[in-house]
Amino acid sequence: MKAILLLAVLLLPLCPASTNAQVAVQAERLYPMTGDLRPIENGVVLCGKNGRIEKVGPPGEVPIPEGYRILKAKVATPGFIDAHATVGLSGILNIDRQDQEQLEKSSPIQPELRAIDAYNGRDPLVKWVRELGITTVHTGHAPGALMAGQTMILKTNVTAITNEEKDTLRPFAMVAGTLGSDGFGGGGKSPGSRAKSLAMLREQLFKVQGHLRKRKKLEEGETAEPDLRLDALAEVLEGKVPLLVTAQRHHDIAAALRLQKEFGFRLVLDGASEAYLLLEEIKKAGVPVLVHPTMARPYGERENMTFTLAAKLHAAGIPFAFQSGYEGYVPKTRVVHFEAALAVAYGLPHEIALAGCTSAAARLLGIADRVGSLQPGLEADLALFDGDPLETVTHCIGVIINGVVVSEEVK
């Protein structure tokens, strides 16, 4: 009996800390990212046992009850949102057939490919971005095919998806496609031109319209035979999910806008390197933009990209958010608030840049009722820093997801 008790005592330090401990964050500068986006000096956030925010405000208005674990930081923000990435599908090793699941090019149109079926939440890249303050990511199939597949939205603390609704914010967020030469088929495969790309898309969307008409004609109690491809695109034409179109050249952006007007779906422009040439048209169409990574390499389709794009979109009143994006080289991901930082260096106001990877990103992705700002009732996701998060010398010193401290003192 004594030996058993001794073993139990020795094992106690190995037991994980309670995940429902209440946490209070004290920050010399707290960015709730609400209203006019102004920070709170010496702000306090209380995180409840239910993983949601209880109170936010200055210390005089938000006293810290006894029993709360207190974390202190120079700056605290909502957990950052990467508005478009491939992390979890593209892995850290960059080895085909081992950790590269972001693009499957056997067919030009594959909207039925689901991101959740390829996601690896234990890939080191997921941990890397999480420890830098990224708590939510919109990830999935990459640009590079006419219709590459689906995307999803989830928290970066999810290691395995066993329940689609429980483990993700949105298991099916968008259908990802590409216009321009980056979406052409290789080795003589279709599409081989812009005109062919648009013809193939129109043909597919017309088929979906017919598919929807057949659905409506079904008698009560009857169900349609499943068609994975048409069913996925039916979600687009029914307005349930947007079509995410990667288009860099101005004429490809214009083609996406024409297609959206023709079929009436929700469109999100991705990359949009030459969007500054069509600001009026994009605004009139009410289409948001996921700004190309400012640190992307300016060649090929992106040869006319500009570091000032975010500032130009803001001045024009066009909704936008920042992304880490995708390029076909190691490590296939960036840090989204560094993208925002470079946009600030080229004319974007500081708080607007922070919104581009917090509250504005949440609104664009349709998840602002859960994350993106620090308000009572929202999920308690926070990033803590030892300085301005938009300065490259700043370190993320703590990350909280759903009220649980998932990393501390990351350098």
Protein backbone atom coordinates (compact mmCIF):
# COMPACT_ATOMS: atom_id res chain seq x y z
CA MET A 1 0.00 0.00 0.00
CA LYS A 2 2.86 2.38 0.90
CA ALA A 3 4.50 1.67 -2.45
CA ILE A 4 1.26 2.49 -4.29
CA LEU A 5 0.83 5.79 -2.39
CA LEU A 6 4.45 6.74 -3.10
CA LEU A 7 3.97 6.03 -6.81
CA ALA A 8 0.81 8.16 -6.85
CA VAL A 9 2.66 11.07 -5.26
CA LEU A 10 5.51 10.78 -7.76
CA LEU A 11 3.07 10.83 -10.66
CA LEU A 12 1.15 13.92 -9.52
CA PRO A 13 3.42 16.44 -11.30
CA LEU A 14 2.80 14.61 -14.56
CA CYS A 15 -0.94 15.28 -14.49
CA PRO A 16 -2.04 18.08 -16.82
CA ALA A 17 -3.22 21.36 -15.37
CA SER A 18 -6.96 21.94 -15.21
CA THR A 19 -8.28 23.22 -18.52
CA ASN A 20 -11.20 25.09 -16.96
CA ALA A 21 -9.24 27.39 -14.64
CA GLN A 22 -10.42 30.98 -14.88
CA VAL A 23 -7.91 33.37 -16.40
CA ALA A 24 -7.53 37.14 -16.17
CA VAL A 25 -5.37 39.07 -18.63
CA GLN A 26 -3.87 42.42 -17.66
CA ALA A 27 -2.39 44.43 -20.52
CA GLU A 28 -0.75 47.83 -20.53
CA ARG A 29 -2.53 48.28 -23.86
CA LEU A 30 -5.57 46.16 -24.65
CA TYR A 31 -7.13 46.10 -28.12
CA PRO A 32 -10.74 44.87 -27.85
CA MET A 33 -11.17 45.64 -31.61
CA THR A 34 -14.70 46.92 -31.12
CA GLY A 35 -16.36 50.22 -32.05
CA ASP A 36 -13.77 52.78 -33.14
CA LEU A 37 -10.95 50.22 -32.57
CA ARG A 38 -9.29 52.35 -29.88
CA PRO A 39 -7.26 50.47 -27.27
CA ILE A 40 -7.86 50.46 -23.54
CA GLU A 41 -4.91 51.54 -21.42
CA ASN A 42 -4.24 49.09 -18.57
CA GLY A 43 -7.11 46.91 -19.72
CA VAL A 44 -8.41 43.71 -18.16
CA VAL A 45 -10.10 40.67 -19.73
CA LEU A 46 -11.78 38.01 -17.62
CA CYS A 47 -12.09 34.55 -19.19
CA GLY A 48 -14.74 32.28 -17.71
CA LYS A 49 -14.78 28.55 -17.11
CA ASN A 50 -17.06 28.13 -20.10
CA GLY A 51 -14.28 29.34 -22.41
CA ARG A 52 -15.98 32.67 -23.09
CA ILE A 53 -15.18 36.25 -22.20
CA GLU A 54 -16.88 37.50 -19.03
CA LYS A 55 -15.82 41.14 -18.80
CA VAL A 56 -13.55 43.61 -20.61
CA GLY A 57 -12.49 47.07 -19.54
CA PRO A 58 -10.18 49.22 -17.39
CA PRO A 59 -9.22 47.87 -13.93
CA GLY A 60 -11.60 50.26 -12.15
CA GLU A 61 -14.54 48.70 -13.99
CA VAL A 62 -13.30 45.11 -14.11
CA PRO A 63 -11.86 43.98 -10.77
CA ILE A 64 -10.19 40.58 -10.80
CA PRO A 65 -11.94 38.11 -8.47
CA GLU A 66 -9.98 35.84 -6.21
CA GLY A 67 -8.89 32.53 -7.69
CA TYR A 68 -8.24 33.79 -11.21
CA ARG A 69 -4.89 33.07 -12.77
CA ILE A 70 -3.40 36.40 -13.87
CA LEU A 71 -1.37 36.79 -17.08
CA LYS A 72 0.32 40.13 -17.79
CA ALA A 73 1.47 41.60 -21.10
CA LYS A 74 2.50 44.87 -22.67
CA VAL A 75 -0.13 44.38 -25.38
CA ALA A 76 -3.08 42.00 -25.68
CA THR A 77 -5.32 41.52 -28.71
CA PRO A 78 -7.98 39.08 -29.83
CA GLY A 79 -6.38 35.90 -31.12
CA PHE A 80 -5.27 36.57 -34.68
CA ILE A 81 -7.19 35.16 -37.64
CA ASP A 82 -5.39 34.00 -40.77
CA ALA A 83 -8.03 34.69 -43.41
CA HIS A 84 -6.59 32.28 -45.98
CA ALA A 85 -3.90 29.64 -45.64
CA THR A 86 -3.14 26.03 -46.44
CA VAL A 87 -1.54 25.17 -43.09
CA GLY A 88 -2.55 21.70 -41.93
CA LEU A 89 -2.75 20.53 -45.54
CA SER A 90 0.68 21.83 -46.56
CA GLY A 91 3.20 20.56 -44.02
CA ILE A 92 6.56 21.60 -42.73
CA LEU A 93 8.59 18.94 -44.57
CA ASN A 94 7.48 20.02 -48.06
CA ILE A 95 7.58 16.45 -49.36
CA ASP A 96 5.04 15.36 -51.95
CA ARG A 97 2.92 12.33 -51.00
CA GLN A 98 3.95 12.81 -47.37
CA ASP A 99 2.72 16.18 -46.10
CA GLN A 100 1.52 18.05 -49.20
CA GLU A 101 -2.26 17.64 -49.44
CA GLN A 102 -3.21 21.15 -50.54
CA LEU A 103 -3.51 20.61 -54.30
CA GLU A 104 -4.68 17.64 -56.38
CA LYS A 105 -4.45 18.29 -60.11
CA SER A 106 -5.74 15.11 -61.73
CA SER A 107 -8.85 17.07 -62.72
CA PRO A 108 -9.32 20.84 -63.18
CA ILE A 109 -12.66 20.98 -61.35
CA GLN A 110 -12.92 19.19 -57.98
CA PRO A 111 -15.10 21.21 -55.58
CA GLU A 112 -16.01 17.98 -53.81
CA LEU A 113 -12.56 17.67 -52.18
CA ARG A 114 -13.04 18.44 -48.49
CA ALA A 115 -10.42 20.20 -46.40
CA ILE A 116 -11.37 18.28 -43.27
CA ASP A 117 -10.46 15.01 -44.97
CA ALA A 118 -6.84 16.12 -45.39
CA TYR A 119 -6.21 18.31 -42.34
CA ASN A 120 -3.37 17.35 -39.98
CA GLY A 121 -3.62 19.44 -36.83
CA ARG A 122 -0.45 17.93 -35.40
CA ASP A 123 1.78 19.20 -38.20
CA PRO A 124 4.53 21.40 -36.69
CA LEU A 125 3.46 24.35 -38.85
CA VAL A 126 0.12 24.49 -37.03
CA LYS A 127 1.88 24.67 -33.66
CA TRP A 128 4.29 27.28 -35.04
CA VAL A 129 1.58 29.70 -36.12
CA ARG A 130 -0.43 29.07 -32.95
CA GLU A 131 2.52 30.04 -30.75
CA LEU A 132 2.83 33.28 -32.71
CA GLY A 133 -0.71 34.29 -31.79
CA ILE A 134 -2.79 32.76 -34.62
CA THR A 135 -5.81 31.18 -32.95
CA THR A 136 -8.16 30.78 -35.93
CA VAL A 137 -7.30 29.83 -39.49
CA HIS A 138 -9.28 29.64 -42.73
CA THR A 139 -7.43 26.84 -44.46
CA GLY A 140 -7.89 24.24 -47.14
CA HIS A 141 -7.14 23.57 -50.76
CA ALA A 142 -4.65 25.88 -52.42
CA PRO A 143 -4.78 28.07 -55.51
CA GLY A 144 -3.47 26.31 -58.59
CA ALA A 145 -6.49 24.58 -60.12
CA LEU A 146 -9.63 25.92 -61.75
CA MET A 147 -11.58 24.57 -58.76
CA ALA A 148 -9.19 23.07 -56.25
CA GLY A 149 -11.58 22.03 -53.50
CA GLN A 150 -13.12 23.23 -50.26
CA THR A 151 -11.83 25.28 -47.36
CA MET A 152 -12.76 25.25 -43.67
CA ILE A 153 -12.34 27.42 -40.58
CA LEU A 154 -11.08 26.07 -37.27
CA LYS A 155 -9.03 26.88 -34.19
CA THR A 156 -5.31 26.08 -34.20
CA ASN A 157 -5.61 24.00 -31.02
CA VAL A 158 -7.62 21.33 -32.84
CA THR A 159 -5.35 18.35 -33.41
CA ALA A 160 -7.85 15.96 -34.98
CA ILE A 161 -11.32 16.47 -36.46
CA THR A 162 -13.59 13.73 -35.20
CA ASN A 163 -16.79 15.80 -35.20
CA GLU A 164 -17.20 18.27 -38.06
CA GLU A 165 -19.54 20.65 -36.27
CA LYS A 166 -17.89 20.48 -32.85
CA ASP A 167 -14.24 20.64 -33.93
CA THR A 168 -14.54 23.39 -36.56
CA LEU A 169 -16.10 26.84 -36.77
CA ARG A 170 -17.15 26.03 -40.33
CA PRO A 171 -16.43 22.58 -41.81
CA PHE A 172 -17.26 23.86 -45.31
CA ALA A 173 -16.37 27.54 -45.59
CA MET A 174 -15.76 28.22 -49.30
CA VAL A 175 -14.96 26.59 -52.64
CA ALA A 176 -11.49 27.62 -53.79
CA GLY A 177 -10.75 28.31 -57.45
CA THR A 178 -8.15 30.05 -59.58
CA LEU A 179 -8.39 32.23 -62.68
CA GLY A 180 -5.39 33.10 -64.82
CA SER A 181 -2.35 31.11 -65.85
CA ASP A 182 -1.82 29.75 -62.33
CA GLY A 183 -5.03 27.76 -62.82
CA PHE A 184 -4.15 26.30 -66.21
CA GLY A 185 -3.67 22.57 -66.56
CA GLY A 186 -0.16 21.35 -67.28
CA GLY A 187 1.03 18.97 -69.95
CA GLY A 188 -1.63 19.95 -72.46
CA LYS A 189 -4.51 19.38 -70.02
CA SER A 190 -7.51 21.73 -69.93
CA PRO A 191 -7.84 24.54 -69.29
CA GLY A 192 -5.04 25.99 -71.35
CA SER A 193 -6.34 29.53 -71.70
CA ARG A 194 -8.44 32.13 -69.94
CA ALA A 195 -11.35 31.70 -72.34
CA LYS A 196 -11.33 27.93 -71.80
CA SER A 197 -11.26 28.44 -68.02
CA LEU A 198 -14.35 30.63 -68.04
CA ALA A 199 -16.15 28.33 -70.49
CA MET A 200 -15.51 25.34 -68.22
CA LEU A 201 -16.73 27.22 -65.15
CA ARG A 202 -19.89 28.41 -66.90
CA GLU A 203 -20.63 24.91 -68.17
CA GLN A 204 -20.27 23.52 -64.66
CA LEU A 205 -22.45 26.23 -63.10
CA PHE A 206 -25.17 25.68 -65.71
CA LYS A 207 -25.14 21.98 -64.76
CA VAL A 208 -25.57 22.98 -61.12
CA GLN A 209 -28.57 25.13 -62.01
CA GLY A 210 -30.14 22.10 -63.68
CA HIS A 211 -29.26 19.98 -60.65
CA LEU A 212 -31.08 22.45 -58.39
CA ARG A 213 -34.15 22.49 -60.65
CA LYS A 214 -34.34 18.69 -60.42
CA ARG A 215 -34.13 18.91 -56.65
CA LYS A 216 -37.08 21.28 -56.50
CA LYS A 217 -39.22 18.93 -58.60
CA LEU A 218 -38.83 16.04 -56.18
CA GLU A 219 -41.99 14.89 -54.46
CA GLU A 220 -42.26 15.28 -50.70
CA GLY A 221 -40.20 12.63 -48.98
CA GLU A 222 -38.04 11.93 -52.04
CA THR A 223 -34.30 12.62 -51.95
CA ALA A 224 -31.97 13.29 -54.84
CA GLU A 225 -29.16 10.92 -55.70
CA PRO A 226 -25.97 12.40 -54.27
CA ASP A 227 -23.54 14.01 -56.69
CA LEU A 228 -20.55 15.22 -54.70
CA ARG A 229 -19.38 17.71 -57.30
CA LEU A 230 -22.75 19.25 -58.11
CA ASP A 231 -23.88 19.18 -54.48
CA ALA A 232 -20.79 21.17 -53.43
CA LEU A 233 -21.36 23.81 -56.09
CA ALA A 234 -25.07 23.90 -55.27
CA GLU A 235 -24.03 25.29 -51.89
CA VAL A 236 -22.36 28.14 -53.81
CA LEU A 237 -25.33 28.95 -56.06
CA GLU A 238 -27.71 28.74 -53.12
CA GLY A 239 -25.61 31.37 -51.32
CA LYS A 240 -24.63 29.09 -48.45
CA VAL A 241 -20.89 29.38 -49.10
CA PRO A 242 -18.88 31.83 -51.22
CA LEU A 243 -16.72 31.05 -54.21
CA LEU A 244 -13.16 32.04 -53.32
CA VAL A 245 -11.44 33.04 -56.57
CA THR A 246 -7.70 33.59 -56.69
CA ALA A 247 -7.17 36.15 -59.43
CA GLN A 248 -4.13 38.41 -59.71
CA ARG A 249 -4.41 40.13 -63.11
CA HIS A 250 -6.98 42.87 -63.61
CA HIS A 251 -8.68 41.03 -66.48
CA ASP A 252 -9.02 37.88 -64.37
CA ILE A 253 -10.53 39.96 -61.55
CA ALA A 254 -12.96 41.46 -64.08
CA ALA A 255 -13.86 37.96 -65.30
CA ALA A 256 -14.62 36.85 -61.75
CA LEU A 257 -16.89 39.89 -61.26
CA ARG A 258 -18.73 39.11 -64.51
CA LEU A 259 -19.21 35.50 -63.50
CA GLN A 260 -20.55 36.57 -60.10
CA LYS A 261 -23.03 38.96 -61.71
CA GLU A 262 -24.14 36.28 -64.18
CA PHE A 263 -24.83 33.55 -61.61
CA GLY A 264 -25.50 35.60 -58.47
CA PHE A 265 -23.21 33.74 -56.08
CA ARG A 266 -21.22 35.26 -53.21
CA LEU A 267 -17.69 36.03 -54.36
CA VAL A 268 -14.50 36.57 -52.34
CA LEU A 269 -11.45 37.75 -54.27
CA ASP A 270 -8.17 36.20 -53.22
CA GLY A 271 -4.77 37.72 -53.95
CA ALA A 272 -6.06 40.41 -56.32
CA SER A 273 -2.63 41.88 -57.02
CA GLU A 274 -4.03 44.33 -59.58
CA ALA A 275 -7.24 45.15 -57.69
CA TYR A 276 -6.11 48.80 -57.50
CA LEU A 277 -7.04 49.03 -61.20
CA LEU A 278 -10.65 48.03 -60.50
CA LEU A 279 -11.48 49.59 -57.14
CA GLU A 280 -14.74 51.15 -58.28
CA GLU A 281 -15.95 47.93 -59.89
CA ILE A 282 -15.06 45.79 -56.88
CA LYS A 283 -16.79 48.17 -54.49
CA LYS A 284 -19.91 48.35 -56.65
CA ALA A 285 -20.11 44.55 -56.70
CA GLY A 286 -19.83 44.44 -52.89
CA VAL A 287 -17.00 41.92 -53.08
CA PRO A 288 -14.44 41.63 -50.25
CA VAL A 289 -10.75 40.98 -50.85
CA LEU A 290 -8.20 38.73 -49.15
CA VAL A 291 -5.09 40.80 -49.77
CA HIS A 292 -2.18 38.98 -51.37
CA PRO A 293 0.64 38.38 -48.90
CA THR A 294 2.77 41.50 -48.94
CA MET A 295 5.86 39.33 -48.72
CA ALA A 296 4.88 37.20 -51.73
CA ARG A 297 7.39 37.13 -54.56
CA PRO A 298 6.43 39.69 -57.25
CA TYR A 299 6.77 37.69 -60.45
CA GLY A 300 4.49 35.93 -62.92
CA GLU A 301 0.84 36.66 -62.19
CA ARG A 302 1.89 38.84 -59.24
CA GLU A 303 4.45 40.94 -61.06
CA ASN A 304 2.32 44.09 -60.62
CA MET A 305 1.53 43.60 -56.93
CA THR A 306 1.95 46.54 -54.58
CA PHE A 307 2.60 46.89 -50.86
CA THR A 308 0.00 49.66 -50.87
CA LEU A 309 -2.96 47.46 -51.87
CA ALA A 310 -4.46 47.24 -48.36
CA ALA A 311 -4.25 51.02 -47.95
CA LYS A 312 -5.93 51.53 -51.33
CA LEU A 313 -8.73 49.10 -50.48
CA HIS A 314 -9.29 50.84 -47.15
CA ALA A 315 -9.42 54.26 -48.79
CA ALA A 316 -11.95 52.92 -51.30
CA GLY A 317 -14.16 51.42 -48.59
CA ILE A 318 -13.69 47.82 -49.73
CA PRO A 319 -13.74 45.16 -46.97
CA PHE A 320 -10.49 43.20 -46.76
CA ALA A 321 -8.49 40.91 -44.52
CA PHE A 322 -4.93 39.64 -44.37
CA GLN A 323 -3.74 36.15 -45.18
CA SER A 324 -0.54 34.14 -45.01
CA GLY A 325 -1.41 32.67 -48.40
CA TYR A 326 0.31 29.93 -50.33
CA GLU A 327 3.35 29.56 -52.54
CA GLY A 328 4.94 26.35 -53.71
CA TYR A 329 8.09 26.50 -51.63
CA VAL A 330 9.19 25.91 -48.01
CA PRO A 331 7.67 26.61 -45.54
CA LYS A 332 4.43 27.33 -47.42
CA THR A 333 3.14 29.65 -44.73
CA ARG A 334 3.83 33.08 -43.30
CA VAL A 335 2.72 34.96 -40.19
CA VAL A 336 -0.38 37.01 -40.86
CA HIS A 337 0.35 39.92 -38.52
CA PHE A 338 3.73 40.44 -40.20
CA GLU A 339 1.74 40.91 -43.41
CA ALA A 340 -0.36 43.52 -41.63
CA ALA A 341 2.77 45.20 -40.32
CA LEU A 342 4.19 45.72 -43.78
CA ALA A 343 0.86 47.19 -44.91
CA VAL A 344 1.17 49.74 -42.08
CA ALA A 345 4.61 50.68 -43.37
CA TYR A 346 2.94 51.47 -46.70
CA GLY A 347 0.11 53.69 -45.53
CA LEU A 348 -2.52 51.58 -43.74
CA PRO A 349 -3.55 52.93 -40.30
CA HIS A 350 -2.32 50.79 -37.42
CA GLU A 351 -5.71 49.89 -35.91
CA ILE A 352 -7.15 49.12 -39.36
CA ALA A 353 -4.26 46.71 -39.93
CA LEU A 354 -4.97 44.99 -36.62
CA ALA A 355 -8.62 44.70 -37.61
CA GLY A 356 -7.53 43.07 -40.87
CA CYS A 357 -6.37 40.04 -38.91
CA THR A 358 -8.95 40.18 -36.10
CA SER A 359 -12.41 41.78 -36.25
CA ALA A 360 -12.54 42.61 -39.98
CA ALA A 361 -11.27 39.13 -40.85
CA ALA A 362 -13.96 37.61 -38.63
CA ARG A 363 -16.68 39.63 -40.36
CA LEU A 364 -15.41 38.70 -43.81
CA LEU A 365 -15.38 35.00 -42.88
CA GLY A 366 -18.78 35.16 -41.19
CA ILE A 367 -17.54 34.18 -37.72
CA ALA A 368 -17.70 37.56 -35.92
CA ASP A 369 -20.37 36.19 -33.57
CA ARG A 370 -17.73 33.88 -32.10
CA VAL A 371 -14.24 35.36 -32.49
CA GLY A 372 -12.31 38.39 -33.73
CA SER A 373 -12.96 40.84 -30.90
CA LEU A 374 -12.94 40.93 -27.11
CA GLN A 375 -16.55 41.21 -25.98
CA PRO A 376 -18.51 39.48 -23.22
CA GLY A 377 -20.01 36.28 -24.53
CA LEU A 378 -17.54 35.72 -27.35
CA GLU A 379 -15.01 32.89 -27.24
CA ALA A 380 -11.99 33.76 -25.12
CA ASP A 381 -9.20 33.75 -27.71
CA LEU A 382 -6.34 36.15 -26.94
CA ALA A 383 -2.76 36.79 -28.01
CA LEU A 384 -0.32 38.41 -25.57
CA PHE A 385 2.78 40.33 -26.63
CA ASP A 386 5.79 42.05 -25.09
CA GLY A 387 5.35 45.00 -27.46
CA ASP A 388 3.45 46.16 -30.53
CA PRO A 389 2.40 42.99 -32.40
CA LEU A 390 2.98 44.80 -35.71
CA GLU A 391 6.68 45.28 -34.91
CA THR A 392 8.90 42.44 -36.07
CA VAL A 393 11.02 42.60 -32.88
CA THR A 394 7.96 41.83 -30.73
CA HIS A 395 7.46 38.37 -29.22
CA CYS A 396 4.21 36.55 -28.60
CA ILE A 397 4.44 35.62 -24.91
CA GLY A 398 1.12 33.89 -24.46
CA VAL A 399 -1.83 32.43 -26.34
CA ILE A 400 -5.29 31.65 -24.99
CA ILE A 401 -7.88 29.64 -26.92
CA ASN A 402 -11.37 29.10 -25.53
CA GLY A 403 -10.17 30.41 -22.17
CA VAL A 404 -7.32 27.89 -21.95
CA VAL A 405 -3.67 28.96 -21.95
CA VAL A 406 -2.14 26.94 -24.78
CA SER A 407 1.33 28.53 -24.85
CA GLU A 408 3.45 30.91 -22.80
CA GLU A 409 6.70 32.81 -23.19
CA VAL A 410 7.22 31.82 -26.82
CA LYS A 411 10.27 33.59 -28.24
